[in-house]
All heavy atoms as atom14 arrays in JSON, in Angstrom:
{
  "sequence": "MGYDTKVDVCGHGFRAMACSSLIESGLWSRDAVERQMSHQERNGVR",
  "atom14_mask": [
    [1, 1, 1, 1, 1, 1, 1, 1, 0, 0, 0, 0, 0, 0],
    [1, 1, 1, 1, 0, 0, 0, 0, 0, 0, 0, 0, 0, 0],
    [1, 1, 1, 1, 1, 1, 1, 1, 1, 1, 1, 1, 0, 0],
    [1, 1, 1, 1, 1, 1, 1, 1, 0, 0, 0, 0, 0, 0],
    [1, 1, 1, 1, 1, 1, 1, 0, 0, 0, 0, 0, 0, 0],
    [1, 1, 1, 1, 1, 1, 1, 1, 1, 0, 0, 0, 0, 0],
    [1, 1, 1, 1, 1, 1, 1, 0, 0, 0, 0, 0, 0, 0],
    [1, 1, 1, 1, 1, 1, 1, 1, 0, 0, 0, 0, 0, 0],
    [1, 1, 1, 1, 1, 1, 1, 0, 0, 0, 0, 0, 0, 0],
    [1, 1, 1, 1, 1, 1, 0, 0, 0, 0, 0, 0, 0, 0],
    [1, 1, 1, 1, 0, 0, 0, 0, 0, 0, 0, 0, 0, 0],
    [1, 1, 1, 1, 1, 1, 1, 1, 1, 1, 0, 0, 0, 0],
    [1, 1, 1, 1, 0, 0, 0, 0, 0, 0, 0, 0, 0, 0],
    [1, 1, 1, 1, 1, 1, 1, 1, 1, 1, 1, 0, 0, 0],
    [1, 1, 1, 1, 1, 1, 1, 1, 1, 1, 1, 0, 0, 0],
    [1, 1, 1, 1, 1, 0, 0, 0, 0, 0, 0, 0, 0, 0],
    [1, 1, 1, 1, 1, 1, 1, 1, 0, 0, 0, 0, 0, 0],
    [1, 1, 1, 1, 1, 0, 0, 0, 0, 0, 0, 0, 0, 0],
    [1, 1, 1, 1, 1, 1, 0, 0, 0, 0, 0, 0, 0, 0],
    [1, 1, 1, 1, 1, 1, 0, 0, 0, 0, 0, 0, 0, 0],
    [1, 1, 1, 1, 1, 1, 0, 0, 0, 0, 0, 0, 0, 0],
    [1, 1, 1, 1, 1, 1, 1, 1, 0, 0, 0, 0, 0, 0],
    [1, 1, 1, 1, 1, 1, 1, 1, 0, 0, 0, 0, 0, 0],
    [1, 1, 1, 1, 1, 1, 1, 1, 1, 0, 0, 0, 0, 0],
    [1, 1, 1, 1, 1, 1, 0, 0, 0, 0, 0, 0, 0, 0],
    [1, 1, 1, 1, 0, 0, 0, 0, 0, 0, 0, 0, 0, 0],
    [1, 1, 1, 1, 1, 1, 1, 1, 0, 0, 0, 0, 0, 0],
    [1, 1, 1, 1, 1, 1, 1, 1, 1, 1, 1, 1, 1, 1],
    [1, 1, 1, 1, 1, 1, 0, 0, 0, 0, 0, 0, 0, 0],
    [1, 1, 1, 1, 1, 1, 1, 1, 1, 1, 1, 0, 0, 0],
    [1, 1, 1, 1, 1, 1, 1, 1, 0, 0, 0, 0, 0, 0],
    [1, 1, 1, 1, 1, 0, 0, 0, 0, 0, 0, 0, 0, 0],
    [1, 1, 1, 1, 1, 1, 1, 0, 0, 0, 0, 0, 0, 0],
    [1, 1, 1, 1, 1, 1, 1, 1, 1, 0, 0, 0, 0, 0],
    [1, 1, 1, 1, 1, 1, 1, 1, 1, 1, 1, 0, 0, 0],
    [1, 1, 1, 1, 1, 1, 1, 1, 1, 0, 0, 0, 0, 0],
    [1, 1, 1, 1, 1, 1, 1, 1, 0, 0, 0, 0, 0, 0],
    [1, 1, 1, 1, 1, 1, 0, 0, 0, 0, 0, 0, 0, 0],
    [1, 1, 1, 1, 1, 1, 1, 1, 1, 1, 0, 0, 0, 0],
    [1, 1, 1, 1, 1, 1, 1, 1, 1, 0, 0, 0, 0, 0],
    [1, 1, 1, 1, 1, 1, 1, 1, 1, 0, 0, 0, 0, 0],
    [1, 1, 1, 1, 1, 1, 1, 1, 1, 1, 1, 0, 0, 0],
    [1, 1, 1, 1, 1, 1, 1, 1, 0, 0, 0, 0, 0, 0],
    [1, 1, 1, 1, 0, 0, 0, 0, 0, 0, 0, 0, 0, 0],
    [1, 1, 1, 1, 1, 1, 1, 0, 0, 0, 0, 0, 0, 0],
    [1, 1, 1, 1, 1, 1, 1, 1, 1, 1, 1, 0, 0, 0]
  ],
  "atom14_positions": [
    [[0.82, -1.21, 0.0], [0.0, 0.0, 0.0], [0.85, 1.26, 0.0], [0.31, 2.38, -0.04], [-0.92, 0.02, 1.22], [-2.0, -1.05, 1.21], [-2.97, -0.93, 2.74], [-3.36, -2.64, 3.04], [0.0, 0.0, 0.0], [0.0, 0.0, 0.0], [0.0, 0.0, 0.0], [0.0, 0.0, 0.0], [0.0, 0.0, 0.0], [0.0, 0.0, 0.0]],
    [[2.17, 1.08, 0.08], [3.07, 2.24, 0.01], [3.62, 2.72, 1.33], [4.23, 3.79, 1.41], [0.0, 0.0, 0.0], [0.0, 0.0, 0.0], [0.0, 0.0, 0.0], [0.0, 0.0, 0.0], [0.0, 0.0, 0.0], [0.0, 0.0, 0.0], [0.0, 0.0, 0.0], [0.0, 0.0, 0.0], [0.0, 0.0, 0.0], [0.0, 0.0, 0.0]],
    [[3.45, 1.93, 2.4], [3.94, 2.33, 3.72], [5.28, 1.66, 4.04], [5.49, 0.49, 3.7], [2.93, 1.98, 4.81], [1.64, 2.77, 4.73], [0.44, 2.14, 4.37], [1.62, 4.12, 5.01], [-0.74, 2.86, 4.29], [0.44, 4.86, 4.93], [-0.73, 4.22, 4.56], [-1.9, 4.94, 4.48], [0.0, 0.0, 0.0], [0.0, 0.0, 0.0]],
    [[6.15, 2.4, 4.7], [7.38, 1.85, 5.25], [7.03, 1.33, 6.64], [6.73, 2.11, 7.55], [8.46, 2.93, 5.33], [9.82, 2.39, 5.78], [9.84, 1.36, 6.51], [10.85, 3.0, 5.44], [0.0, 0.0, 0.0], [0.0, 0.0, 0.0], [0.0, 0.0, 0.0], [0.0, 0.0, 0.0], [0.0, 0.0, 0.0], [0.0, 0.0, 0.0]],
    [[7.07, 0.01, 6.82], [6.62, -0.59, 8.08], [7.6, -0.38, 9.23], [7.31, -0.75, 10.37], [6.34, -2.09, 7.9], [7.49, -2.72, 7.33], [5.13, -2.3, 7.0], [0.0, 0.0, 0.0], [0.0, 0.0, 0.0], [0.0, 0.0, 0.0], [0.0, 0.0, 0.0], [0.0, 0.0, 0.0], [0.0, 0.0, 0.0], [0.0, 0.0, 0.0]],
    [[8.77, 0.2, 8.94], [9.72, 0.54, 10.0], [9.63, 2.01, 10.39], [10.17, 2.41, 11.42], [11.15, 0.21, 9.55], [11.41, -1.28, 9.4], [12.86, -1.57, 9.06], [13.1, -3.08, 8.96], [14.52, -3.37, 8.56], [0.0, 0.0, 0.0], [0.0, 0.0, 0.0], [0.0, 0.0, 0.0], [0.0, 0.0, 0.0], [0.0, 0.0, 0.0]],
    [[8.92, 2.79, 9.57], [8.85, 4.24, 9.81], [7.4, 4.72, 9.94], [7.05, 5.46, 10.87], [9.56, 5.02, 8.69], [9.43, 6.53, 8.91], [11.03, 4.61, 8.59], [0.0, 0.0, 0.0], [0.0, 0.0, 0.0], [0.0, 0.0, 0.0], [0.0, 0.0, 0.0], [0.0, 0.0, 0.0], [0.0, 0.0, 0.0], [0.0, 0.0, 0.0]],
    [[6.54, 4.32, 8.98], [5.18, 4.86, 8.9], [4.21, 4.13, 9.83], [3.66, 4.72, 10.76], [4.66, 4.79, 7.45], [5.53, 5.56, 6.48], [6.0, 6.65, 6.86], [5.77, 5.07, 5.35], [0.0, 0.0, 0.0], [0.0, 0.0, 0.0], [0.0, 0.0, 0.0], [0.0, 0.0, 0.0], [0.0, 0.0, 0.0], [0.0, 0.0, 0.0]],
    [[3.98, 2.87, 9.54], [3.02, 2.08, 10.32], [3.29, 0.59, 10.11], [3.71, 0.17, 9.03], [1.55, 2.41, 9.93], [1.27, 2.02, 8.47], [0.56, 1.76, 10.86], [0.0, 0.0, 0.0], [0.0, 0.0, 0.0], [0.0, 0.0, 0.0], [0.0, 0.0, 0.0], [0.0, 0.0, 0.0], [0.0, 0.0, 0.0], [0.0, 0.0, 0.0]],
    [[3.07, -0.21, 11.14], [3.13, -1.67, 11.02], [1.87, -2.24, 11.65], [1.08, -1.51, 12.27], [4.39, -2.22, 11.71], [4.4, -2.0, 13.5], [0.0, 0.0, 0.0], [0.0, 0.0, 0.0], [0.0, 0.0, 0.0], [0.0, 0.0, 0.0], [0.0, 0.0, 0.0], [0.0, 0.0, 0.0], [0.0, 0.0, 0.0], [0.0, 0.0, 0.0]],
    [[1.67, -3.55, 11.51], [0.46, -4.18, 12.04], [0.3, -3.93, 13.53], [-0.8, -3.66, 14.02], [0.0, 0.0, 0.0], [0.0, 0.0, 0.0], [0.0, 0.0, 0.0], [0.0, 0.0, 0.0], [0.0, 0.0, 0.0], [0.0, 0.0, 0.0], [0.0, 0.0, 0.0], [0.0, 0.0, 0.0], [0.0, 0.0, 0.0], [0.0, 0.0, 0.0]],
    [[1.4, -4.01, 14.27], [1.34, -3.78, 15.72], [0.98, -2.33, 16.04], [0.42, -2.04, 17.09], [2.68, -4.13, 16.37], [2.61, -4.3, 17.85], [2.29, -5.5, 18.46], [2.81, -3.42, 18.86], [2.31, -5.34, 19.78], [2.61, -4.09, 20.05], [0.0, 0.0, 0.0], [0.0, 0.0, 0.0], [0.0, 0.0, 0.0], [0.0, 0.0, 0.0]],
    [[1.28, -1.43, 15.09], [0.97, -0.02, 15.29], [-0.52, 0.27, 15.33], [-0.94, 1.32, 15.83], [0.0, 0.0, 0.0], [0.0, 0.0, 0.0], [0.0, 0.0, 0.0], [0.0, 0.0, 0.0], [0.0, 0.0, 0.0], [0.0, 0.0, 0.0], [0.0, 0.0, 0.0], [0.0, 0.0, 0.0], [0.0, 0.0, 0.0], [0.0, 0.0, 0.0]],
    [[-1.35, -0.66, 14.8], [-2.81, -0.5, 14.89], [-3.25, -0.38, 16.35], [-4.2, 0.33, 16.67], [-3.54, -1.68, 14.24], [-3.38, -1.77, 12.74], [-3.78, -2.92, 12.05], [-2.85, -0.73, 12.01], [-3.66, -3.01, 10.68], [-2.71, -0.82, 10.62], [-3.11, -1.97, 9.97], [0.0, 0.0, 0.0], [0.0, 0.0, 0.0], [0.0, 0.0, 0.0]],
    [[-2.56, -1.1, 17.24], [-2.91, -1.07, 18.66], [-2.7, 0.34, 19.23], [-3.54, 0.85, 19.97], [-2.06, -2.08, 19.42], [-2.45, -3.51, 19.16], [-1.47, -4.53, 19.75], [-1.24, -4.39, 21.17], [-2.04, -4.84, 22.12], [-3.18, -5.46, 21.77], [-1.75, -4.69, 23.39], [0.0, 0.0, 0.0], [0.0, 0.0, 0.0], [0.0, 0.0, 0.0]],
    [[-1.58, 0.96, 18.86], [-1.29, 2.31, 19.34], [-2.31, 3.31, 18.79], [-2.75, 4.22, 19.51], [0.12, 2.72, 18.94], [0.0, 0.0, 0.0], [0.0, 0.0, 0.0], [0.0, 0.0, 0.0], [0.0, 0.0, 0.0], [0.0, 0.0, 0.0], [0.0, 0.0, 0.0], [0.0, 0.0, 0.0], [0.0, 0.0, 0.0], [0.0, 0.0, 0.0]],
    [[-2.68, 3.15, 17.52], [-3.65, 4.05, 16.9], [-5.01, 3.94, 17.58], [-5.66, 4.94, 17.86], [-3.76, 3.75, 15.4], [-2.5, 4.08, 14.61], [-2.45, 3.3, 12.97], [-3.84, 4.09, 12.19], [0.0, 0.0, 0.0], [0.0, 0.0, 0.0], [0.0, 0.0, 0.0], [0.0, 0.0, 0.0], [0.0, 0.0, 0.0], [0.0, 0.0, 0.0]],
    [[-5.44, 2.7, 17.84], [-6.73, 2.49, 18.5], [-6.7, 3.04, 19.92], [-7.62, 3.74, 20.35], [-7.08, 1.01, 18.51], [0.0, 0.0, 0.0], [0.0, 0.0, 0.0], [0.0, 0.0, 0.0], [0.0, 0.0, 0.0], [0.0, 0.0, 0.0], [0.0, 0.0, 0.0], [0.0, 0.0, 0.0], [0.0, 0.0, 0.0], [0.0, 0.0, 0.0]],
    [[-5.64, 2.74, 20.65], [-5.51, 3.19, 22.04], [-5.54, 4.72, 22.12], [-6.26, 5.3, 22.95], [-4.23, 2.63, 22.65], [-4.06, 2.94, 24.42], [0.0, 0.0, 0.0], [0.0, 0.0, 0.0], [0.0, 0.0, 0.0], [0.0, 0.0, 0.0], [0.0, 0.0, 0.0], [0.0, 0.0, 0.0], [0.0, 0.0, 0.0], [0.0, 0.0, 0.0]],
    [[-4.76, 5.38, 21.24], [-4.72, 6.84, 21.22], [-6.1, 7.43, 20.93], [-6.52, 8.4, 21.56], [-3.72, 7.33, 20.17], [-2.42, 6.89, 20.46], [0.0, 0.0, 0.0], [0.0, 0.0, 0.0], [0.0, 0.0, 0.0], [0.0, 0.0, 0.0], [0.0, 0.0, 0.0], [0.0, 0.0, 0.0], [0.0, 0.0, 0.0], [0.0, 0.0, 0.0]],
    [[-6.79, 6.84, 19.96], [-8.12, 7.34, 19.59], [-9.12, 7.19, 20.73], [-9.89, 8.11, 21.02], [-8.64, 6.59, 18.35], [-7.79, 6.79, 17.24], [0.0, 0.0, 0.0], [0.0, 0.0, 0.0], [0.0, 0.0, 0.0], [0.0, 0.0, 0.0], [0.0, 0.0, 0.0], [0.0, 0.0, 0.0], [0.0, 0.0, 0.0], [0.0, 0.0, 0.0]],
    [[-9.1, 6.03, 21.38], [-10.05, 5.77, 22.47], [-9.81, 6.72, 23.65], [-10.76, 7.22, 24.25], [-9.95, 4.31, 22.92], [-10.37, 3.27, 21.87], [-9.99, 1.87, 22.31], [-11.85, 3.36, 21.56], [0.0, 0.0, 0.0], [0.0, 0.0, 0.0], [0.0, 0.0, 0.0], [0.0, 0.0, 0.0], [0.0, 0.0, 0.0], [0.0, 0.0, 0.0]],
    [[-8.53, 6.97, 23.97], [-8.2, 7.87, 25.07], [-8.55, 9.31, 24.69], [-9.14, 10.05, 25.49], [-6.71, 7.77, 25.45], [-6.37, 6.37, 25.98], [-6.33, 8.85, 26.45], [-7.03, 6.0, 27.26], [0.0, 0.0, 0.0], [0.0, 0.0, 0.0], [0.0, 0.0, 0.0], [0.0, 0.0, 0.0], [0.0, 0.0, 0.0], [0.0, 0.0, 0.0]],
    [[-8.21, 9.7, 23.46], [-8.46, 11.07, 23.01], [-9.96, 11.41, 22.96], [-10.35, 12.55, 23.18], [-7.84, 11.3, 21.63], [-7.89, 12.76, 21.16], [-7.28, 12.99, 19.79], [-6.14, 12.53, 19.58], [-7.94, 13.63, 18.95], [0.0, 0.0, 0.0], [0.0, 0.0, 0.0], [0.0, 0.0, 0.0], [0.0, 0.0, 0.0], [0.0, 0.0, 0.0]],
    [[-10.78, 10.41, 22.69], [-12.22, 10.65, 22.62], [-12.78, 11.17, 23.94], [-13.78, 11.91, 23.96], [-12.95, 9.37, 22.21], [-12.99, 8.44, 23.3], [0.0, 0.0, 0.0], [0.0, 0.0, 0.0], [0.0, 0.0, 0.0], [0.0, 0.0, 0.0], [0.0, 0.0, 0.0], [0.0, 0.0, 0.0], [0.0, 0.0, 0.0], [0.0, 0.0, 0.0]],
    [[-12.16, 10.77, 25.05], [-12.63, 11.18, 26.36], [-13.85, 10.41, 26.84], [-14.42, 10.73, 27.9], [0.0, 0.0, 0.0], [0.0, 0.0, 0.0], [0.0, 0.0, 0.0], [0.0, 0.0, 0.0], [0.0, 0.0, 0.0], [0.0, 0.0, 0.0], [0.0, 0.0, 0.0], [0.0, 0.0, 0.0], [0.0, 0.0, 0.0], [0.0, 0.0, 0.0]],
    [[-14.28, 9.38, 26.11], [-15.5, 8.65, 26.43], [-15.28, 7.46, 27.36], [-16.18, 7.07, 28.1], [-16.16, 8.13, 25.14], [-16.67, 9.16, 24.14], [-17.23, 8.45, 22.9], [-17.74, 10.03, 24.76], [0.0, 0.0, 0.0], [0.0, 0.0, 0.0], [0.0, 0.0, 0.0], [0.0, 0.0, 0.0], [0.0, 0.0, 0.0], [0.0, 0.0, 0.0]],
    [[-14.09, 6.89, 27.31], [-13.89, 5.58, 27.91], [-12.94, 5.64, 29.09], [-11.96, 6.4, 29.08], [-13.35, 4.59, 26.85], [-14.08, 4.76, 25.55], [-13.62, 5.38, 24.43], [-15.43, 4.36, 25.29], [-14.58, 5.38, 23.47], [-15.72, 4.76, 23.96], [-16.42, 3.71, 26.02], [-16.94, 4.53, 23.36], [-17.65, 3.47, 25.44], [-17.9, 3.88, 24.12]],
    [[-13.2, 4.84, 30.1], [-12.32, 4.79, 31.25], [-10.99, 4.16, 30.86], [-10.94, 3.27, 30.0], [-12.95, 3.99, 32.39], [-13.04, 2.61, 32.05], [0.0, 0.0, 0.0], [0.0, 0.0, 0.0], [0.0, 0.0, 0.0], [0.0, 0.0, 0.0], [0.0, 0.0, 0.0], [0.0, 0.0, 0.0], [0.0, 0.0, 0.0], [0.0, 0.0, 0.0]],
    [[-9.94, 4.64, 31.5], [-8.61, 4.08, 31.21], [-8.55, 2.59, 31.55], [-7.88, 1.81, 30.87], [-7.54, 4.86, 31.97], [-6.12, 4.46, 31.61], [-5.12, 5.43, 32.19], [-5.13, 6.71, 31.52], [-4.44, 6.98, 30.4], [-3.68, 6.06, 29.83], [-4.49, 8.18, 29.86], [0.0, 0.0, 0.0], [0.0, 0.0, 0.0], [0.0, 0.0, 0.0]],
    [[-9.26, 2.17, 32.59], [-9.28, 0.76, 32.98], [-9.85, -0.12, 31.86], [-9.34, -1.2, 31.57], [-10.1, 0.56, 34.26], [-9.35, 1.04, 35.49], [-8.11, 1.1, 35.44], [-10.01, 1.34, 36.5], [0.0, 0.0, 0.0], [0.0, 0.0, 0.0], [0.0, 0.0, 0.0], [0.0, 0.0, 0.0], [0.0, 0.0, 0.0], [0.0, 0.0, 0.0]],
    [[-10.94, 0.35, 31.23], [-11.56, -0.4, 30.14], [-10.63, -0.5, 28.94], [-10.51, -1.55, 28.32], [-12.89, 0.24, 29.73], [0.0, 0.0, 0.0], [0.0, 0.0, 0.0], [0.0, 0.0, 0.0], [0.0, 0.0, 0.0], [0.0, 0.0, 0.0], [0.0, 0.0, 0.0], [0.0, 0.0, 0.0], [0.0, 0.0, 0.0], [0.0, 0.0, 0.0]],
    [[-9.96, 0.61, 28.63], [-9.01, 0.62, 27.5], [-7.86, -0.33, 27.8], [-7.49, -1.15, 26.93], [-8.49, 2.05, 27.23], [-7.42, 2.01, 26.13], [-9.62, 2.98, 26.81], [0.0, 0.0, 0.0], [0.0, 0.0, 0.0], [0.0, 0.0, 0.0], [0.0, 0.0, 0.0], [0.0, 0.0, 0.0], [0.0, 0.0, 0.0], [0.0, 0.0, 0.0]],
    [[-7.29, -0.26, 29.0], [-6.17, -1.12, 29.37], [-6.57, -2.59, 29.33], [-5.8, -3.44, 28.89], [-5.66, -0.76, 30.77], [-4.93, 0.57, 30.85], [-3.64, 0.57, 30.04], [-2.81, -0.32, 30.26], [-3.46, 1.44, 29.2], [0.0, 0.0, 0.0], [0.0, 0.0, 0.0], [0.0, 0.0, 0.0], [0.0, 0.0, 0.0], [0.0, 0.0, 0.0]],
    [[-7.76, -2.89, 29.79], [-8.24, -4.27, 29.78], [-8.39, -4.77, 28.34], [-8.03, -5.92, 28.05], [-9.57, -4.37, 30.53], [-10.07, -5.8, 30.69], [-9.21, -6.55, 31.69], [-9.54, -7.96, 31.73], [-8.68, -8.95, 31.66], [-7.4, -8.7, 31.56], [-9.06, -10.2, 31.72], [0.0, 0.0, 0.0], [0.0, 0.0, 0.0], [0.0, 0.0, 0.0]],
    [[-8.92, -3.9, 27.46], [-9.09, -4.32, 26.07], [-7.75, -4.48, 25.37], [-7.58, -5.35, 24.52], [-9.96, -3.32, 25.3], [-10.47, -3.86, 23.96], [-11.16, -5.19, 24.13], [-12.07, -5.36, 24.94], [-10.71, -6.18, 23.38], [0.0, 0.0, 0.0], [0.0, 0.0, 0.0], [0.0, 0.0, 0.0], [0.0, 0.0, 0.0], [0.0, 0.0, 0.0]],
    [[-6.8, -3.64, 25.72], [-5.46, -3.76, 25.15], [-4.73, -4.97, 25.71], [-3.69, -5.37, 25.2], [-4.63, -2.5, 25.46], [-5.19, -1.2, 24.88], [-5.22, -1.16, 23.09], [-3.5, -1.21, 22.69], [0.0, 0.0, 0.0], [0.0, 0.0, 0.0], [0.0, 0.0, 0.0], [0.0, 0.0, 0.0], [0.0, 0.0, 0.0], [0.0, 0.0, 0.0]],
    [[-5.28, -5.56, 26.78], [-4.68, -6.71, 27.46], [-3.28, -6.38, 27.95], [-2.34, -7.15, 27.79], [-4.65, -7.94, 26.53], [-4.23, -9.1, 27.21], [0.0, 0.0, 0.0], [0.0, 0.0, 0.0], [0.0, 0.0, 0.0], [0.0, 0.0, 0.0], [0.0, 0.0, 0.0], [0.0, 0.0, 0.0], [0.0, 0.0, 0.0], [0.0, 0.0, 0.0]],
    [[-3.16, -5.19, 28.57], [-1.91, -4.8, 29.19], [-1.85, -5.33, 30.61], [-2.86, -5.45, 31.28], [-1.77, -3.27, 29.22], [-1.47, -2.68, 27.88], [-1.71, -1.37, 27.56], [-0.94, -3.24, 26.76], [-1.35, -1.14, 26.31], [-0.88, -2.25, 25.81], [0.0, 0.0, 0.0], [0.0, 0.0, 0.0], [0.0, 0.0, 0.0], [0.0, 0.0, 0.0]],
    [[-0.65, -5.6, 31.07], [-0.45, -6.11, 32.42], [-0.54, -4.98, 33.42], [0.18, -3.98, 33.3], [0.92, -6.8, 32.54], [1.18, -7.45, 33.89], [0.33, -8.69, 34.1], [0.38, -9.62, 33.33], [-0.45, -8.67, 35.15], [0.0, 0.0, 0.0], [0.0, 0.0, 0.0], [0.0, 0.0, 0.0], [0.0, 0.0, 0.0], [0.0, 0.0, 0.0]],
    [[-1.44, -5.07, 34.36], [-1.53, -4.1, 35.44], [-0.47, -4.41, 36.48], [-0.41, -5.51, 37.01], [-2.93, -4.13, 36.08], [-3.06, -3.31, 37.36], [-2.71, -1.84, 37.16], [-3.28, -1.21, 36.26], [-1.87, -1.32, 37.94], [0.0, 0.0, 0.0], [0.0, 0.0, 0.0], [0.0, 0.0, 0.0], [0.0, 0.0, 0.0], [0.0, 0.0, 0.0]],
    [[0.41, -3.42, 36.77], [1.53, -3.66, 37.69], [1.11, -3.6, 39.15], [1.77, -4.13, 40.01], [2.65, -2.64, 37.42], [3.4, -2.95, 36.13], [4.46, -1.92, 35.83], [5.34, -2.34, 34.75], [5.08, -2.31, 33.49], [3.94, -1.85, 33.14], [5.92, -2.7, 32.56], [0.0, 0.0, 0.0], [0.0, 0.0, 0.0], [0.0, 0.0, 0.0]],
    [[0.05, -2.93, 39.45], [-0.46, -2.88, 40.81], [-1.34, -4.1, 41.06], [-2.37, -4.28, 40.41], [-1.25, -1.59, 41.02], [-1.76, -1.44, 42.44], [-2.5, -2.28, 42.95], [-1.35, -0.36, 43.08], [0.0, 0.0, 0.0], [0.0, 0.0, 0.0], [0.0, 0.0, 0.0], [0.0, 0.0, 0.0], [0.0, 0.0, 0.0], [0.0, 0.0, 0.0]],
    [[-0.94, -4.96, 42.02], [-1.63, -6.23, 42.24], [-3.08, -6.07, 42.63], [-3.94, -6.83, 42.17], [0.0, 0.0, 0.0], [0.0, 0.0, 0.0], [0.0, 0.0, 0.0], [0.0, 0.0, 0.0], [0.0, 0.0, 0.0], [0.0, 0.0, 0.0], [0.0, 0.0, 0.0], [0.0, 0.0, 0.0], [0.0, 0.0, 0.0], [0.0, 0.0, 0.0]],
    [[-3.4, -5.08, 43.48], [-4.77, -4.86, 43.92], [-5.63, -4.41, 42.75], [-6.73, -4.92, 42.51], [-4.82, -3.82, 45.06], [-6.26, -3.53, 45.46], [-4.03, -4.32, 46.27], [0.0, 0.0, 0.0], [0.0, 0.0, 0.0], [0.0, 0.0, 0.0], [0.0, 0.0, 0.0], [0.0, 0.0, 0.0], [0.0, 0.0, 0.0], [0.0, 0.0, 0.0]],
    [[-5.11, -3.44, 42.0], [-5.84, -2.96, 40.82], [-6.0, -4.06, 39.79], [-7.05, -4.18, 39.15], [-5.12, -1.77, 40.2], [-5.47, -0.44, 40.85], [-4.7, 0.71, 40.22], [-4.87, 0.71, 38.77], [-5.92, 1.19, 38.12], [-6.92, 1.69, 38.82], [-5.98, 1.15, 36.81], [0.0, 0.0, 0.0], [0.0, 0.0, 0.0], [0.0, 0.0, 0.0]]
  ]
}
């Protein structure tokens, strides 16, 4: 499609684009976004 996957965008970069959009919208809690991204929560209680 004409993209440099080391500079412009790669498949894994879709995650960053989605995460940025969801946070920027201001609609969604950070906990919901983190859970959907399947990121490891470092605080055991949380």
